[in-house]
PDB file of all heavy atoms in Angstrom:
ATOM      1  N   MET A   1     -18.998  15.847  18.027  1.00  0.00           N
ATOM      2  CA  MET A   1     -17.601  15.545  18.392  1.00  0.00           C
ATOM      3  C   MET A   1     -17.372  14.032  18.397  1.00  0.00           C
ATOM      4  O   MET A   1     -16.287  13.555  18.036  1.00  0.00           O
ATOM      5  CB  MET A   1     -17.300  16.158  19.774  1.00  0.00           C
ATOM      6  CG  MET A   1     -15.853  16.020  20.208  1.00  0.00           C
ATOM      7  SD  MET A   1     -14.698  16.726  19.015  1.00  0.00           S
ATOM      8  CE  MET A   1     -14.866  18.448  19.384  1.00  0.00           C
ATOM      9  N   SER A   2     -18.392  13.284  18.797  1.00  0.00           N
ATOM     10  CA  SER A   2     -18.306  11.827  18.812  1.00  0.00           C
ATOM     11  C   SER A   2     -18.052  11.289  17.403  1.00  0.00           C
ATOM     12  O   SER A   2     -17.163  10.466  17.180  1.00  0.00           O
ATOM     13  CB  SER A   2     -19.608  11.263  19.378  1.00  0.00           C
ATOM     14  OG  SER A   2     -19.371  10.035  19.995  1.00  0.00           O
ATOM     15  N   PHE A   3     -18.838  11.759  16.426  1.00  0.00           N
ATOM     16  CA  PHE A   3     -18.654  11.314  15.036  1.00  0.00           C
ATOM     17  C   PHE A   3     -17.295  11.765  14.487  1.00  0.00           C
ATOM     18  O   PHE A   3     -16.652  11.044  13.720  1.00  0.00           O
ATOM     19  CB  PHE A   3     -19.786  11.833  14.142  1.00  0.00           C
ATOM     20  CG  PHE A   3     -21.081  11.070  14.305  1.00  0.00           C
ATOM     21  CD1 PHE A   3     -22.266  11.709  14.655  1.00  0.00           C
ATOM     22  CD2 PHE A   3     -21.123   9.694  14.101  1.00  0.00           C
ATOM     23  CE1 PHE A   3     -23.449  11.004  14.813  1.00  0.00           C
ATOM     24  CE2 PHE A   3     -22.304   8.973  14.258  1.00  0.00           C
ATOM     25  CZ  PHE A   3     -23.469   9.629  14.618  1.00  0.00           C
ATOM     26  N   ALA A   4     -16.837  12.958  14.897  1.00  0.00           N
ATOM     27  CA  ALA A   4     -15.529  13.454  14.441  1.00  0.00           C
ATOM     28  C   ALA A   4     -14.405  12.548  14.963  1.00  0.00           C
ATOM     29  O   ALA A   4     -13.467  12.206  14.219  1.00  0.00           O
ATOM     30  CB  ALA A   4     -15.317  14.887  14.916  1.00  0.00           C
ATOM     31  N   ALA A   5     -14.527  12.130  16.229  1.00  0.00           N
ATOM     32  CA  ALA A   5     -13.518  11.235  16.819  1.00  0.00           C
ATOM     33  C   ALA A   5     -13.525   9.875  16.127  1.00  0.00           C
ATOM     34  O   ALA A   5     -12.465   9.275  15.890  1.00  0.00           O
ATOM     35  CB  ALA A   5     -13.783  11.071  18.311  1.00  0.00           C
ATOM     36  N   ILE A   6     -14.734   9.388  15.764  1.00  0.00           N
ATOM     37  CA  ILE A   6     -14.837   8.096  15.067  1.00  0.00           C
ATOM     38  C   ILE A   6     -14.202   8.198  13.666  1.00  0.00           C
ATOM     39  O   ILE A   6     -13.560   7.258  13.192  1.00  0.00           O
ATOM     40  CB  ILE A   6     -16.311   7.629  14.996  1.00  0.00           C
ATOM     41  CG1 ILE A   6     -16.829   7.309  16.405  1.00  0.00           C
ATOM     42  CG2 ILE A   6     -16.450   6.390  14.116  1.00  0.00           C
ATOM     43  CD1 ILE A   6     -18.339   7.122  16.506  1.00  0.00           C
ATOM     44  N   ALA A   7     -14.353   9.377  13.014  1.00  0.00           N
ATOM     45  CA  ALA A   7     -13.715   9.589  11.698  1.00  0.00           C
ATOM     46  C   ALA A   7     -12.196   9.451  11.811  1.00  0.00           C
ATOM     47  O   ALA A   7     -11.529   8.903  10.923  1.00  0.00           O
ATOM     48  CB  ALA A   7     -14.085  10.969  11.151  1.00  0.00           C
ATOM     49  N   LEU A   8     -11.655   9.924  12.940  1.00  0.00           N
ATOM     50  CA  LEU A   8     -10.208   9.804  13.195  1.00  0.00           C
ATOM     51  C   LEU A   8      -9.795   8.325  13.260  1.00  0.00           C
ATOM     52  O   LEU A   8      -8.730   7.939  12.769  1.00  0.00           O
ATOM     53  CB  LEU A   8      -9.857  10.534  14.493  1.00  0.00           C
ATOM     54  CG  LEU A   8      -8.362  10.674  14.808  1.00  0.00           C
ATOM     55  CD1 LEU A   8      -7.642  11.484  13.738  1.00  0.00           C
ATOM     56  CD2 LEU A   8      -8.182  11.343  16.177  1.00  0.00           C
ATOM     57  N   LEU A   9     -10.668   7.481  13.849  1.00  0.00           N
ATOM     58  CA  LEU A   9     -10.407   6.026  13.873  1.00  0.00           C
ATOM     59  C   LEU A   9     -10.301   5.477  12.444  1.00  0.00           C
ATOM     60  O   LEU A   9      -9.521   4.569  12.177  1.00  0.00           O
ATOM     61  CB  LEU A   9     -11.545   5.292  14.603  1.00  0.00           C
ATOM     62  CG  LEU A   9     -11.584   5.326  16.124  1.00  0.00           C
ATOM     63  CD1 LEU A   9     -12.835   4.611  16.627  1.00  0.00           C
ATOM     64  CD2 LEU A   9     -10.345   4.659  16.721  1.00  0.00           C
ATOM     65  N   GLY A  10     -11.113   6.035  11.543  1.00  0.00           N
ATOM     66  CA  GLY A  10     -11.062   5.617  10.130  1.00  0.00           C
ATOM     67  C   GLY A  10      -9.703   5.901   9.518  1.00  0.00           C
ATOM     68  O   GLY A  10      -9.142   5.070   8.787  1.00  0.00           O
ATOM     69  N   VAL A  11      -9.143   7.078   9.828  1.00  0.00           N
ATOM     70  CA  VAL A  11      -7.816   7.459   9.301  1.00  0.00           C
ATOM     71  C   VAL A  11      -6.750   6.512   9.863  1.00  0.00           C
ATOM     72  O   VAL A  11      -5.865   6.032   9.129  1.00  0.00           O
ATOM     73  CB  VAL A  11      -7.492   8.934   9.661  1.00  0.00           C
ATOM     74  CG1 VAL A  11      -6.074   9.302   9.216  1.00  0.00           C
ATOM     75  CG2 VAL A  11      -8.516   9.873   9.018  1.00  0.00           C
ATOM     76  N   ILE A  12      -6.840   6.208  11.168  1.00  0.00           N
ATOM     77  CA  ILE A  12      -5.874   5.290  11.802  1.00  0.00           C
ATOM     78  C   ILE A  12      -5.956   3.910  11.138  1.00  0.00           C
ATOM     79  O   ILE A  12      -4.927   3.274  10.859  1.00  0.00           O
ATOM     80  CB  ILE A  12      -6.134   5.193  13.333  1.00  0.00           C
ATOM     81  CG1 ILE A  12      -5.824   6.531  14.002  1.00  0.00           C
ATOM     82  CG2 ILE A  12      -5.313   4.066  13.965  1.00  0.00           C
ATOM     83  CD1 ILE A  12      -6.348   6.668  15.432  1.00  0.00           C
ATOM     84  N   THR A  13      -7.186   3.451  10.841  1.00  0.00           N
ATOM     85  CA  THR A  13      -7.370   2.149  10.183  1.00  0.00           C
ATOM     86  C   THR A  13      -6.729   2.144   8.797  1.00  0.00           C
ATOM     87  O   THR A  13      -6.042   1.189   8.431  1.00  0.00           O
ATOM     88  CB  THR A  13      -8.869   1.806  10.046  1.00  0.00           C
ATOM     89  OG1 THR A  13      -9.463   1.842  11.339  1.00  0.00           O
ATOM     90  CG2 THR A  13      -9.063   0.431   9.445  1.00  0.00           C
ATOM     91  N   MET A  14      -6.950   3.210   8.031  1.00  0.00           N
ATOM     92  CA  MET A  14      -6.372   3.289   6.669  1.00  0.00           C
ATOM     93  C   MET A  14      -4.851   3.172   6.717  1.00  0.00           C
ATOM     94  O   MET A  14      -4.250   2.430   5.938  1.00  0.00           O
ATOM     95  CB  MET A  14      -6.775   4.599   5.993  1.00  0.00           C
ATOM     96  CG  MET A  14      -8.173   4.611   5.446  1.00  0.00           C
ATOM     97  SD  MET A  14      -8.465   6.091   4.478  1.00  0.00           S
ATOM     98  CE  MET A  14      -9.060   7.216   5.702  1.00  0.00           C
ATOM     99  N   LEU A  15      -4.246   3.908   7.640  1.00  0.00           N
ATOM    100  CA  LEU A  15      -2.780   3.862   7.776  1.00  0.00           C
ATOM    101  C   LEU A  15      -2.326   2.458   8.175  1.00  0.00           C
ATOM    102  O   LEU A  15      -1.330   1.945   7.654  1.00  0.00           O
ATOM    103  CB  LEU A  15      -2.308   4.886   8.819  1.00  0.00           C
ATOM    104  CG  LEU A  15      -2.439   6.358   8.402  1.00  0.00           C
ATOM    105  CD1 LEU A  15      -2.163   7.284   9.588  1.00  0.00           C
ATOM    106  CD2 LEU A  15      -1.480   6.682   7.253  1.00  0.00           C
ATOM    107  N   SER A  16      -3.068   1.812   9.098  1.00  0.00           N
ATOM    108  CA  SER A  16      -2.718   0.456   9.556  1.00  0.00           C
ATOM    109  C   SER A  16      -2.792  -0.540   8.398  1.00  0.00           C
ATOM    110  O   SER A  16      -1.904  -1.385   8.231  1.00  0.00           O
ATOM    111  CB  SER A  16      -3.670  -0.005  10.666  1.00  0.00           C
ATOM    112  OG  SER A  16      -3.690   0.922  11.705  1.00  0.00           O
ATOM    113  N   LEU A  17      -3.882  -0.453   7.610  1.00  0.00           N
ATOM    114  CA  LEU A  17      -4.061  -1.380   6.484  1.00  0.00           C
ATOM    115  C   LEU A  17      -2.960  -1.176   5.445  1.00  0.00           C
ATOM    116  O   LEU A  17      -2.395  -2.131   4.910  1.00  0.00           O
ATOM    117  CB  LEU A  17      -5.434  -1.163   5.828  1.00  0.00           C
ATOM    118  CG  LEU A  17      -6.659  -1.544   6.663  1.00  0.00           C
ATOM    119  CD1 LEU A  17      -7.929  -0.970   6.045  1.00  0.00           C
ATOM    120  CD2 LEU A  17      -6.790  -3.066   6.786  1.00  0.00           C
ATOM    121  N   TRP A  18      -2.661   0.094   5.161  1.00  0.00           N
ATOM    122  CA  TRP A  18      -1.630   0.416   4.158  1.00  0.00           C
ATOM    123  C   TRP A  18      -0.270  -0.123   4.584  1.00  0.00           C
ATOM    124  O   TRP A  18       0.483  -0.655   3.782  1.00  0.00           O
ATOM    125  CB  TRP A  18      -1.594   1.936   3.974  1.00  0.00           C
ATOM    126  CG  TRP A  18      -0.533   2.396   3.024  1.00  0.00           C
ATOM    127  CD1 TRP A  18      -0.499   2.249   1.664  1.00  0.00           C
ATOM    128  CD2 TRP A  18       0.683   3.072   3.374  1.00  0.00           C
ATOM    129  NE1 TRP A  18       0.657   2.791   1.147  1.00  0.00           N
ATOM    130  CE2 TRP A  18       1.401   3.308   2.177  1.00  0.00           C
ATOM    131  CE3 TRP A  18       1.230   3.514   4.587  1.00  0.00           C
ATOM    132  CZ2 TRP A  18       2.631   3.958   2.165  1.00  0.00           C
ATOM    133  CZ3 TRP A  18       2.456   4.162   4.572  1.00  0.00           C
ATOM    134  CH2 TRP A  18       3.148   4.379   3.365  1.00  0.00           C
ATOM    135  N   LYS A  19       0.020  -0.034   5.892  1.00  0.00           N
ATOM    136  CA  LYS A  19       1.323  -0.467   6.414  1.00  0.00           C
ATOM    137  C   LYS A  19       1.399  -1.995   6.571  1.00  0.00           C
ATOM    138  O   LYS A  19       2.432  -2.598   6.281  1.00  0.00           O
ATOM    139  CB  LYS A  19       1.535   0.198   7.783  1.00  0.00           C
ATOM    140  CG  LYS A  19       2.967   0.226   8.253  1.00  0.00           C
ATOM    141  CD  LYS A  19       3.662   1.528   7.864  1.00  0.00           C
ATOM    142  CE  LYS A  19       5.111   1.527   8.304  1.00  0.00           C
ATOM    143  NZ  LYS A  19       6.056   1.226   7.231  1.00  0.00           N
ATOM    144  N   ALA A  20       0.299  -2.610   7.034  1.00  0.00           N
ATOM    145  CA  ALA A  20       0.363  -4.019   7.471  1.00  0.00           C
ATOM    146  C   ALA A  20       0.043  -5.027   6.369  1.00  0.00           C
ATOM    147  O   ALA A  20       0.566  -6.142   6.381  1.00  0.00           O
ATOM    148  CB  ALA A  20      -0.577  -4.242   8.650  1.00  0.00           C
ATOM    149  N   LEU A  21      -0.851  -4.666   5.437  1.00  0.00           N
ATOM    150  CA  LEU A  21      -1.276  -5.667   4.449  1.00  0.00           C
ATOM    151  C   LEU A  21      -0.289  -5.737   3.297  1.00  0.00           C
ATOM    152  O   LEU A  21       0.189  -4.709   2.818  1.00  0.00           O
ATOM    153  CB  LEU A  21      -2.671  -5.342   3.890  1.00  0.00           C
ATOM    154  CG  LEU A  21      -3.843  -5.422   4.863  1.00  0.00           C
ATOM    155  CD1 LEU A  21      -5.161  -5.341   4.105  1.00  0.00           C
ATOM    156  CD2 LEU A  21      -3.822  -6.693   5.698  1.00  0.00           C
ATOM    157  N   PRO A  22       0.005  -6.953   2.810  1.00  0.00           N
ATOM    158  CA  PRO A  22       0.899  -7.066   1.662  1.00  0.00           C
ATOM    159  C   PRO A  22       0.208  -6.529   0.412  1.00  0.00           C
ATOM    160  O   PRO A  22      -1.014  -6.601   0.285  1.00  0.00           O
ATOM    161  CB  PRO A  22       1.127  -8.584   1.547  1.00  0.00           C
ATOM    162  CG  PRO A  22      -0.043  -9.203   2.243  1.00  0.00           C
ATOM    163  CD  PRO A  22      -0.482  -8.247   3.298  1.00  0.00           C
ATOM    164  N   GLU A  23       1.001  -5.961  -0.498  1.00  0.00           N
ATOM    165  CA  GLU A  23       0.409  -5.507  -1.772  1.00  0.00           C
ATOM    166  C   GLU A  23      -0.002  -6.734  -2.562  1.00  0.00           C
ATOM    167  O   GLU A  23       0.728  -7.723  -2.621  1.00  0.00           O
ATOM    168  CB  GLU A  23       1.428  -4.679  -2.561  1.00  0.00           C
ATOM    169  CG  GLU A  23       1.182  -3.188  -2.423  1.00  0.00           C
ATOM    170  CD  GLU A  23       1.972  -2.384  -3.430  1.00  0.00           C
ATOM    171  OE1 GLU A  23       1.448  -2.161  -4.530  1.00  0.00           O
ATOM    172  OE2 GLU A  23       3.108  -1.997  -3.097  1.00  0.00           O
ATOM    173  N   ASP A  24      -1.168  -6.678  -3.161  1.00  0.00           N
ATOM    174  CA  ASP A  24      -1.598  -7.817  -3.971  1.00  0.00           C
ATOM    175  C   ASP A  24      -2.044  -7.305  -5.335  1.00  0.00           C
ATOM    176  O   ASP A  24      -2.310  -6.127  -5.530  1.00  0.00           O
ATOM    177  CB  ASP A  24      -2.737  -8.591  -3.277  1.00  0.00           C
ATOM    178  CG  ASP A  24      -3.909  -7.686  -2.916  1.00  0.00           C
ATOM    179  OD1 ASP A  24      -3.693  -6.463  -2.773  1.00  0.00           O
ATOM    180  OD2 ASP A  24      -5.030  -8.185  -2.767  1.00  0.00           O
ATOM    181  N   LYS A  25      -2.093  -8.252  -6.279  1.00  0.00           N
ATOM    182  CA  LYS A  25      -2.506  -7.869  -7.641  1.00  0.00           C
ATOM    183  C   LYS A  25      -4.010  -7.725  -7.691  1.00  0.00           C
ATOM    184  O   LYS A  25      -4.736  -8.287  -6.875  1.00  0.00           O
ATOM    185  CB  LYS A  25      -2.070  -8.954  -8.644  1.00  0.00           C
ATOM    186  CG  LYS A  25      -0.563  -9.122  -8.756  1.00  0.00           C
ATOM    187  CD  LYS A  25      -0.247 -10.142  -9.847  1.00  0.00           C
ATOM    188  CE  LYS A  25       1.183 -10.620  -9.765  1.00  0.00           C
ATOM    189  NZ  LYS A  25       1.458 -11.473  -8.603  1.00  0.00           N
ATOM    190  N   ALA A  26      -4.467  -6.988  -8.698  1.00  0.00           N
ATOM    191  CA  ALA A  26      -5.909  -6.836  -8.897  1.00  0.00           C
ATOM    192  C   ALA A  26      -6.520  -8.208  -9.167  1.00  0.00           C
ATOM    193  O   ALA A  26      -5.943  -9.032  -9.873  1.00  0.00           O
ATOM    194  CB  ALA A  26      -6.176  -5.903 -10.075  1.00  0.00           C
ATOM    195  N   SER A  27      -7.672  -8.457  -8.563  1.00  0.00           N
ATOM    196  CA  SER A  27      -8.355  -9.730  -8.786  1.00  0.00           C
ATOM    197  C   SER A  27      -8.959  -9.710 -10.179  1.00  0.00           C
ATOM    198  O   SER A  27      -9.115  -8.655 -10.795  1.00  0.00           O
ATOM    199  CB  SER A  27      -9.480  -9.912  -7.767  1.00  0.00           C
ATOM    200  OG  SER A  27      -9.021  -9.595  -6.485  1.00  0.00           O
ATOM    201  N   GLN A  28      -9.301 -10.907 -10.668  1.00  0.00           N
ATOM    202  CA  GLN A  28     -10.064 -10.962 -11.913  1.00  0.00           C
ATOM    203  C   GLN A  28     -11.409 -10.304 -11.668  1.00  0.00           C
ATOM    204  O   GLN A  28     -11.954 -10.390 -10.580  1.00  0.00           O
ATOM    205  CB  GLN A  28     -10.312 -12.419 -12.313  1.00  0.00           C
ATOM    206  CG  GLN A  28      -9.100 -13.074 -12.945  1.00  0.00           C
ATOM    207  CD  GLN A  28      -9.450 -14.511 -13.321  1.00  0.00           C
ATOM    208  OE1 GLN A  28      -9.867 -15.297 -12.480  1.00  0.00           O
ATOM    209  NE2 GLN A  28      -9.291 -14.841 -14.585  1.00  0.00           N
ATOM    210  N   ARG A  29     -11.951  -9.652 -12.716  1.00  0.00           N
ATOM    211  CA  ARG A  29     -13.277  -9.046 -12.557  1.00  0.00           C
ATOM    212  C   ARG A  29     -14.264 -10.143 -12.182  1.00  0.00           C
ATOM    213  O   ARG A  29     -14.298 -11.190 -12.825  1.00  0.00           O
ATOM    214  CB  ARG A  29     -13.726  -8.381 -13.860  1.00  0.00           C
ATOM    215  CG  ARG A  29     -12.996  -7.079 -14.138  1.00  0.00           C
ATOM    216  CD  ARG A  29     -13.446  -6.522 -15.474  1.00  0.00           C
ATOM    217  NE  ARG A  29     -14.677  -5.776 -15.328  1.00  0.00           N
ATOM    218  CZ  ARG A  29     -14.721  -4.475 -15.091  1.00  0.00           C
ATOM    219  NH1 ARG A  29     -13.606  -3.797 -14.947  1.00  0.00           N
ATOM    220  NH2 ARG A  29     -15.870  -3.838 -14.993  1.00  0.00           N
ATOM    221  N   PRO A  30     -15.043  -9.951 -11.133  1.00  0.00           N
ATOM    222  CA  PRO A  30     -15.940 -11.025 -10.714  1.00  0.00           C
ATOM    223  C   PRO A  30     -17.008 -11.324 -11.755  1.00  0.00           C
ATOM    224  O   PRO A  30     -17.496 -10.415 -12.424  1.00  0.00           O
ATOM    225  CB  PRO A  30     -16.574 -10.480  -9.426  1.00  0.00           C
ATOM    226  CG  PRO A  30     -16.365  -9.005  -9.462  1.00  0.00           C
ATOM    227  CD  PRO A  30     -15.154  -8.756 -10.293  1.00  0.00           C
ATOM    228  N   ASP A  31     -17.322 -12.597 -11.907  1.00  0.00           N
ATOM    229  CA  ASP A  31     -18.428 -13.007 -12.776  1.00  0.00           C
ATOM    230  C   ASP A  31     -19.701 -12.856 -11.943  1.00  0.00           C
ATOM    231  O   ASP A  31     -20.078 -13.746 -11.184  1.00  0.00           O
ATOM    232  CB  ASP A  31     -18.218 -14.465 -13.221  1.00  0.00           C
ATOM    233  CG  ASP A  31     -19.311 -14.944 -14.174  1.00  0.00           C
ATOM    234  OD1 ASP A  31     -20.390 -14.304 -14.198  1.00  0.00           O
ATOM    235  OD2 ASP A  31     -19.100 -15.945 -14.871  1.00  0.00           O
ATOM    236  N   VAL A  32     -20.334 -11.695 -12.093  1.00  0.00           N
ATOM    237  CA  VAL A  32     -21.453 -11.323 -11.217  1.00  0.00           C
ATOM    238  C   VAL A  32     -22.554 -12.375 -11.243  1.00  0.00           C
ATOM    239  O   VAL A  32     -23.055 -12.805 -10.198  1.00  0.00           O
ATOM    240  CB  VAL A  32     -22.022  -9.937 -11.625  1.00  0.00           C
ATOM    241  CG1 VAL A  32     -23.268  -9.594 -10.823  1.00  0.00           C
ATOM    242  CG2 VAL A  32     -20.949  -8.863 -11.419  1.00  0.00           C
ATOM    243  N   LYS A  33     -22.902 -12.826 -12.454  1.00  0.00           N
ATOM    244  CA  LYS A  33     -24.006 -13.778 -12.598  1.00  0.00           C
ATOM    245  C   LYS A  33     -23.686 -15.085 -11.857  1.00  0.00           C
ATOM    246  O   LYS A  33     -24.510 -15.619 -11.113  1.00  0.00           O
ATOM    247  CB  LYS A  33     -24.246 -14.051 -14.085  1.00  0.00           C
ATOM    248  CG  LYS A  33     -25.700 -14.343 -14.418  1.00  0.00           C
ATOM    249  CD  LYS A  33     -25.893 -14.331 -15.918  1.00  0.00           C
ATOM    250  CE  LYS A  33     -27.260 -14.916 -16.261  1.00  0.00           C
ATOM    251  NZ  LYS A  33     -27.427 -15.023 -17.709  1.00  0.00           N
ATOM    252  N   ALA A  34     -22.451 -15.593 -12.067  1.00  0.00           N
ATOM    253  CA  ALA A  34     -22.047 -16.865 -11.442  1.00  0.00           C
ATOM    254  C   ALA A  34     -21.998 -16.728  -9.921  1.00  0.00           C
ATOM    255  O   ALA A  34     -22.439 -17.621  -9.189  1.00  0.00           O
ATOM    256  CB  ALA A  34     -20.681 -17.288 -11.976  1.00  0.00           C
ATOM    257  N   GLU A  35     -21.457 -15.589  -9.432  1.00  0.00           N
ATOM    258  CA  GLU A  35     -21.347 -15.400  -7.974  1.00  0.00           C
ATOM    259  C   GLU A  35     -22.724 -15.288  -7.326  1.00  0.00           C
ATOM    260  O   GLU A  35     -22.972 -15.850  -6.255  1.00  0.00           O
ATOM    261  CB  GLU A  35     -20.499 -14.156  -7.659  1.00  0.00           C
ATOM    262  CG  GLU A  35     -19.031 -14.346  -8.024  1.00  0.00           C
ATOM    263  CD  GLU A  35     -18.071 -13.571  -7.124  1.00  0.00           C
ATOM    264  OE1 GLU A  35     -18.532 -12.897  -6.192  1.00  0.00           O
ATOM    265  OE2 GLU A  35     -16.858 -13.672  -7.352  1.00  0.00           O
TER     266      GLU A  35
END
C-alpha cells in the first residue's frame, strides 16, 4: 500500500509539471562524445 500511495504522488507530479512548466522546443540532439 505504501508503494501504491507513492505511485499516486508520481501522477500528481506529472499533472503539476504539465500544468506549470512552459512548453519548450526539442533540444538539439546531444553530442554524446563532447558531453
